N, C-alpha and C. Protein backbone atom coordinates (compact mmCIF):
# COMPACT_ATOMS: atom_id res chain seq x y z
N UNK A 1 4.06 -26.56 -6.33
CA UNK A 1 4.37 -25.24 -5.49
C UNK A 1 3.31 -24.11 -5.98
N UNK A 2 2.64 -23.64 -5.02
CA UNK A 2 1.58 -22.75 -5.12
C UNK A 2 2.24 -21.39 -6.00
N UNK A 3 1.44 -20.96 -6.79
CA UNK A 3 1.93 -19.71 -7.42
C UNK A 3 1.50 -18.50 -6.52
N UNK A 4 1.95 -17.70 -6.36
CA UNK A 4 1.74 -16.23 -5.85
C UNK A 4 1.65 -15.40 -6.75
N UNK A 5 0.74 -14.35 -6.49
CA UNK A 5 0.54 -13.14 -7.46
C UNK A 5 0.24 -12.07 -6.62
N UNK A 6 1.26 -10.98 -6.29
CA UNK A 6 1.11 -9.78 -5.39
C UNK A 6 0.29 -8.79 -6.02
N UNK A 7 -0.54 -8.14 -5.30
CA UNK A 7 -0.90 -6.95 -5.49
C UNK A 7 -0.80 -6.03 -4.64
N UNK A 8 -1.38 -4.78 -4.70
CA UNK A 8 -1.08 -3.66 -3.68
C UNK A 8 -1.81 -4.13 -2.59
N UNK A 9 -2.74 -4.73 -2.47
CA UNK A 9 -3.57 -5.19 -1.03
C UNK A 9 -3.39 -6.74 -0.53
N UNK A 10 -3.45 -7.35 -1.54
CA UNK A 10 -3.38 -8.69 -1.24
C UNK A 10 -2.30 -9.56 -2.02
N UNK A 11 -2.02 -10.71 -1.39
CA UNK A 11 -1.25 -11.79 -1.97
C UNK A 11 -2.02 -13.07 -2.69
N UNK A 12 -2.42 -13.28 -3.75
CA UNK A 12 -3.02 -14.28 -4.42
C UNK A 12 -2.44 -15.49 -4.39
N UNK A 13 -3.14 -16.85 -3.77
CA UNK A 13 -2.70 -17.99 -3.86
C UNK A 13 -3.45 -18.97 -4.17
N UNK A 14 -3.56 -19.81 -5.48
CA UNK A 14 -4.64 -20.76 -5.80
C UNK A 14 -5.24 -21.36 -4.69
N UNK A 15 -6.35 -21.72 -4.61
CA UNK A 15 -7.01 -22.70 -3.69
C UNK A 15 -6.50 -23.85 -3.77
N UNK A 16 -6.32 -24.65 -2.73
CA UNK A 16 -5.90 -26.14 -2.67
C UNK A 16 -7.00 -26.86 -2.32
N UNK A 17 -7.24 -27.71 -3.20
CA UNK A 17 -8.50 -28.70 -3.08
C UNK A 17 -8.28 -30.07 -2.26
N UNK A 18 -9.18 -30.57 -1.55
CA UNK A 18 -9.13 -31.89 -0.66
C UNK A 18 -10.23 -32.73 -1.13
N UNK A 19 -9.83 -34.12 -1.03
CA UNK A 19 -11.03 -34.99 -1.09
C UNK A 19 -11.53 -35.35 0.31
N UNK A 20 -12.74 -35.55 0.54
CA UNK A 20 -13.14 -36.33 1.78
C UNK A 20 -14.18 -37.20 1.48
N UNK A 21 -14.48 -37.95 2.84
CA UNK A 21 -15.30 -38.94 2.83
C UNK A 21 -16.06 -38.84 3.96
N UNK A 22 -17.32 -39.06 3.90
CA UNK A 22 -18.33 -39.05 4.98
C UNK A 22 -19.00 -40.37 5.06
N UNK A 23 -19.30 -40.86 6.51
CA UNK A 23 -20.15 -41.96 6.64
C UNK A 23 -21.44 -41.58 7.20
N UNK A 24 -22.43 -42.19 6.61
CA UNK A 24 -23.92 -42.12 6.80
C UNK A 24 -23.93 -43.21 7.80
N UNK A 25 -25.36 -43.02 8.61
CA UNK A 25 -25.91 -43.85 9.57
C UNK A 25 -25.91 -45.25 8.80
N UNK A 26 -26.26 -45.35 7.83
CA UNK A 26 -26.46 -46.58 6.98
C UNK A 26 -25.11 -47.29 6.52
N UNK A 27 -24.16 -46.73 7.17
CA UNK A 27 -22.75 -47.07 6.97
C UNK A 27 -22.31 -46.98 5.31
N UNK A 28 -23.13 -46.16 4.38
CA UNK A 28 -22.58 -45.98 3.34
C UNK A 28 -21.63 -44.76 3.25
N UNK A 29 -20.75 -44.56 2.29
CA UNK A 29 -19.88 -43.56 2.36
C UNK A 29 -19.98 -42.78 1.21
N UNK A 30 -19.95 -41.55 1.27
CA UNK A 30 -20.19 -40.29 0.48
C UNK A 30 -18.60 -39.58 0.08
N UNK A 31 -18.20 -39.50 -1.08
CA UNK A 31 -16.93 -38.96 -1.30
C UNK A 31 -17.09 -37.48 -2.32
N UNK A 32 -16.52 -36.64 -1.99
CA UNK A 32 -16.44 -35.19 -2.44
C UNK A 32 -15.25 -34.70 -2.39
N UNK A 33 -15.31 -33.36 -2.83
CA UNK A 33 -13.86 -32.31 -2.75
C UNK A 33 -14.61 -31.18 -2.49
N UNK A 34 -13.60 -30.39 -1.76
CA UNK A 34 -13.68 -29.00 -1.49
C UNK A 34 -12.31 -28.40 -1.42
N UNK A 35 -12.37 -26.97 -1.23
CA UNK A 35 -11.42 -26.00 -0.77
C UNK A 35 -11.51 -26.00 0.67
N UNK A 36 -12.51 -26.29 1.33
CA UNK A 36 -12.72 -26.24 2.75
C UNK A 36 -13.61 -27.28 3.44
N UNK A 37 -12.94 -28.13 3.62
CA UNK A 37 -13.66 -29.54 4.09
C UNK A 37 -14.56 -29.38 5.49
N UNK A 38 -13.95 -28.51 6.39
CA UNK A 38 -14.96 -28.39 7.47
C UNK A 38 -16.22 -27.53 7.32
N UNK A 39 -16.10 -26.22 6.33
CA UNK A 39 -17.26 -25.69 5.98
C UNK A 39 -18.25 -26.54 5.17
N UNK A 40 -17.71 -27.23 4.40
CA UNK A 40 -18.61 -28.28 3.39
C UNK A 40 -18.98 -29.16 4.20
N UNK A 41 -18.32 -29.83 5.14
CA UNK A 41 -19.14 -30.93 6.05
C UNK A 41 -20.20 -30.36 6.98
N UNK A 42 -19.95 -29.02 7.53
CA UNK A 42 -20.92 -28.20 8.27
C UNK A 42 -22.19 -28.05 7.12
N UNK A 43 -21.97 -27.68 6.05
CA UNK A 43 -23.24 -27.77 5.16
C UNK A 43 -23.90 -29.10 4.95
N UNK A 44 -23.20 -30.00 4.76
CA UNK A 44 -23.72 -31.29 4.72
C UNK A 44 -24.57 -31.75 5.81
N UNK A 45 -24.08 -31.44 7.08
CA UNK A 45 -24.76 -31.57 8.35
C UNK A 45 -26.04 -31.01 8.19
N UNK A 46 -25.91 -29.51 7.79
CA UNK A 46 -27.13 -28.56 7.89
C UNK A 46 -28.18 -29.06 6.84
N UNK A 47 -28.17 -30.19 5.99
CA UNK A 47 -28.91 -30.52 4.89
C UNK A 47 -28.70 -29.89 3.79
N UNK A 48 -27.69 -29.09 3.36
CA UNK A 48 -27.48 -28.42 2.28
C UNK A 48 -26.08 -29.13 1.48
N UNK A 49 -26.47 -28.84 0.08
CA UNK A 49 -25.36 -29.47 -0.67
C UNK A 49 -26.12 -30.54 -1.26
N UNK A 50 -25.06 -31.76 -1.31
CA UNK A 50 -25.52 -32.98 -1.69
C UNK A 50 -26.61 -33.72 -1.47
N UNK A 51 -27.65 -33.97 -2.58
CA UNK A 51 -28.96 -34.50 -2.40
C UNK A 51 -28.73 -35.91 -1.52
N UNK A 52 -27.83 -36.80 -1.99
CA UNK A 52 -27.53 -38.06 -1.25
C UNK A 52 -27.63 -38.04 0.29
N UNK A 53 -26.87 -36.78 0.67
CA UNK A 53 -26.68 -36.60 2.31
C UNK A 53 -27.90 -36.05 2.94
N UNK A 54 -28.64 -35.71 2.28
CA UNK A 54 -30.12 -35.01 2.99
C UNK A 54 -31.01 -35.98 3.63
N UNK A 55 -30.98 -35.59 5.02
CA UNK A 55 -31.76 -36.49 5.73
C UNK A 55 -31.28 -37.84 6.48
N UNK A 56 -29.81 -37.68 6.40
CA UNK A 56 -29.27 -38.98 6.49
C UNK A 56 -28.43 -38.75 7.87
N UNK A 57 -28.73 -37.83 8.64
CA UNK A 57 -27.73 -37.47 10.01
C UNK A 57 -28.07 -38.55 10.98
N UNK A 58 -27.20 -38.61 11.79
CA UNK A 58 -25.73 -37.98 11.95
C UNK A 58 -24.69 -38.62 11.02
N UNK A 59 -23.84 -37.82 10.06
CA UNK A 59 -22.83 -37.75 9.55
C UNK A 59 -21.56 -37.76 10.16
N UNK A 60 -20.50 -38.47 9.74
CA UNK A 60 -19.35 -38.34 10.23
C UNK A 60 -18.21 -38.09 9.26
N UNK A 61 -17.51 -37.27 9.59
CA UNK A 61 -16.20 -37.26 8.50
C UNK A 61 -15.36 -38.03 8.80
N UNK A 62 -15.30 -38.87 7.81
CA UNK A 62 -14.05 -40.03 8.33
C UNK A 62 -12.66 -39.83 7.67
N UNK A 63 -12.88 -39.27 6.77
CA UNK A 63 -11.38 -39.04 5.69
C UNK A 63 -11.26 -37.50 4.99
N UNK A 64 -9.97 -37.07 4.84
CA UNK A 64 -9.72 -35.78 4.05
C UNK A 64 -8.30 -35.92 3.98
N UNK A 65 -7.92 -35.45 2.62
CA UNK A 65 -6.58 -35.68 2.04
C UNK A 65 -6.69 -34.15 1.04
N UNK A 66 -5.65 -33.55 1.35
CA UNK A 66 -5.18 -32.42 0.73
C UNK A 66 -4.68 -32.98 -0.65
N UNK A 67 -5.05 -32.63 -2.01
CA UNK A 67 -4.66 -32.91 -3.29
C UNK A 67 -4.06 -31.92 -3.99
N UNK A 68 -4.66 -30.62 -4.33
CA UNK A 68 -3.77 -29.91 -4.70
C UNK A 68 -4.83 -29.09 -5.89
N UNK A 69 -4.54 -29.11 -7.16
CA UNK A 69 -5.62 -28.63 -8.06
C UNK A 69 -7.10 -29.11 -7.96
N UNK A 70 -7.83 -28.15 -8.59
CA UNK A 70 -9.16 -28.48 -8.84
C UNK A 70 -9.09 -29.76 -9.99
N UNK A 71 -8.29 -29.73 -10.71
CA UNK A 71 -8.42 -30.58 -11.91
C UNK A 71 -7.89 -32.32 -11.28
N UNK A 72 -7.03 -31.97 -10.38
CA UNK A 72 -6.43 -33.30 -9.69
C UNK A 72 -7.67 -34.02 -8.82
N UNK A 73 -8.23 -33.04 -8.18
CA UNK A 73 -9.06 -33.44 -6.99
C UNK A 73 -10.42 -34.21 -7.45
N UNK A 74 -10.77 -33.51 -8.84
CA UNK A 74 -11.87 -33.87 -9.62
C UNK A 74 -11.52 -35.46 -10.29
N UNK A 75 -10.29 -35.66 -10.53
CA UNK A 75 -9.98 -36.86 -11.36
C UNK A 75 -9.80 -37.96 -9.96
N UNK A 76 -9.49 -37.68 -9.05
CA UNK A 76 -9.45 -38.58 -7.95
C UNK A 76 -10.88 -38.98 -7.44
N UNK A 77 -11.52 -37.87 -7.37
CA UNK A 77 -13.08 -38.07 -6.83
C UNK A 77 -14.02 -39.02 -7.82
N UNK A 78 -13.47 -38.80 -9.17
CA UNK A 78 -14.06 -39.75 -10.00
C UNK A 78 -13.68 -41.24 -9.85
N UNK A 79 -12.54 -41.18 -9.62
CA UNK A 79 -11.91 -42.67 -9.38
C UNK A 79 -12.33 -43.24 -8.04
N UNK A 80 -12.27 -42.54 -7.08
CA UNK A 80 -12.99 -42.87 -5.78
C UNK A 80 -14.39 -43.32 -5.83
N UNK A 81 -15.12 -42.50 -6.47
CA UNK A 81 -16.76 -42.97 -6.64
C UNK A 81 -17.08 -44.32 -7.54
N UNK A 82 -15.92 -44.60 -8.33
CA UNK A 82 -16.43 -45.98 -8.94
C UNK A 82 -15.73 -46.88 -8.27
N UNK A 83 -15.31 -46.90 -7.05
CA UNK A 83 -14.71 -48.01 -6.28
C UNK A 83 -15.70 -48.45 -5.42
N UNK A 84 -15.80 -49.92 -4.98
CA UNK A 84 -16.90 -50.38 -4.07
C UNK A 84 -16.68 -50.07 -2.82
N UNK A 85 -17.49 -50.38 -2.11
CA UNK A 85 -17.34 -49.77 -0.83
C UNK A 85 -16.55 -50.81 0.24
N UNK A 86 -16.29 -51.73 -0.36
CA UNK A 86 -14.96 -52.75 0.30
C UNK A 86 -13.61 -51.92 -0.23
N UNK A 87 -13.59 -51.46 -1.40
CA UNK A 87 -12.44 -51.02 -1.71
C UNK A 87 -12.12 -49.69 -0.78
N UNK A 88 -13.09 -48.82 -0.79
CA UNK A 88 -13.43 -47.74 0.22
C UNK A 88 -12.84 -47.94 1.42
N UNK A 89 -13.33 -49.11 2.09
CA UNK A 89 -12.94 -49.44 3.52
C UNK A 89 -11.60 -49.70 3.43
N UNK A 90 -10.77 -50.60 2.66
CA UNK A 90 -9.64 -50.85 2.38
C UNK A 90 -8.67 -49.58 2.38
N UNK A 91 -8.94 -48.56 1.69
CA UNK A 91 -8.12 -47.27 1.68
C UNK A 91 -8.40 -46.85 3.11
N UNK A 92 -9.54 -46.55 3.47
CA UNK A 92 -9.71 -46.20 4.87
C UNK A 92 -8.81 -46.82 5.97
N UNK A 93 -8.84 -47.98 5.88
CA UNK A 93 -8.12 -48.98 6.77
C UNK A 93 -6.54 -48.79 6.74
N UNK A 94 -5.95 -48.63 5.36
CA UNK A 94 -4.43 -48.42 5.08
C UNK A 94 -4.42 -47.01 5.30
N UNK A 95 -4.87 -46.10 5.62
CA UNK A 95 -4.86 -44.56 6.01
C UNK A 95 -4.94 -44.27 7.19
N UNK A 96 -5.50 -45.01 8.14
CA UNK A 96 -5.53 -44.71 9.37
C UNK A 96 -4.23 -44.00 9.96
N UNK A 97 -4.45 -42.82 10.58
CA UNK A 97 -3.51 -42.11 11.30
C UNK A 97 -2.63 -41.07 10.28
N UNK A 98 -3.30 -41.03 9.26
CA UNK A 98 -2.80 -39.89 8.37
C UNK A 98 -3.49 -38.40 8.85
């Protein structure tokens, strides 16, 4: 459950982090985390951010899942980046429709 902290002008809510995957034209899969996946994907498409994705357009956002805390998202990102492409494809296949 997200903690809330009220002030006179606003309510503070910790940012929720998400894991996302992007498919490149060479069929490789990039994995990252963000608090705003759509904004981050737009940055990737514009050639900003991850060096791995620069010049690899067109990119396709193929997966995103809300994780929670930054710490949890980092842990899952590390696990995902260690998986083989076949293992990532299996995860994608098993999570269709989410």
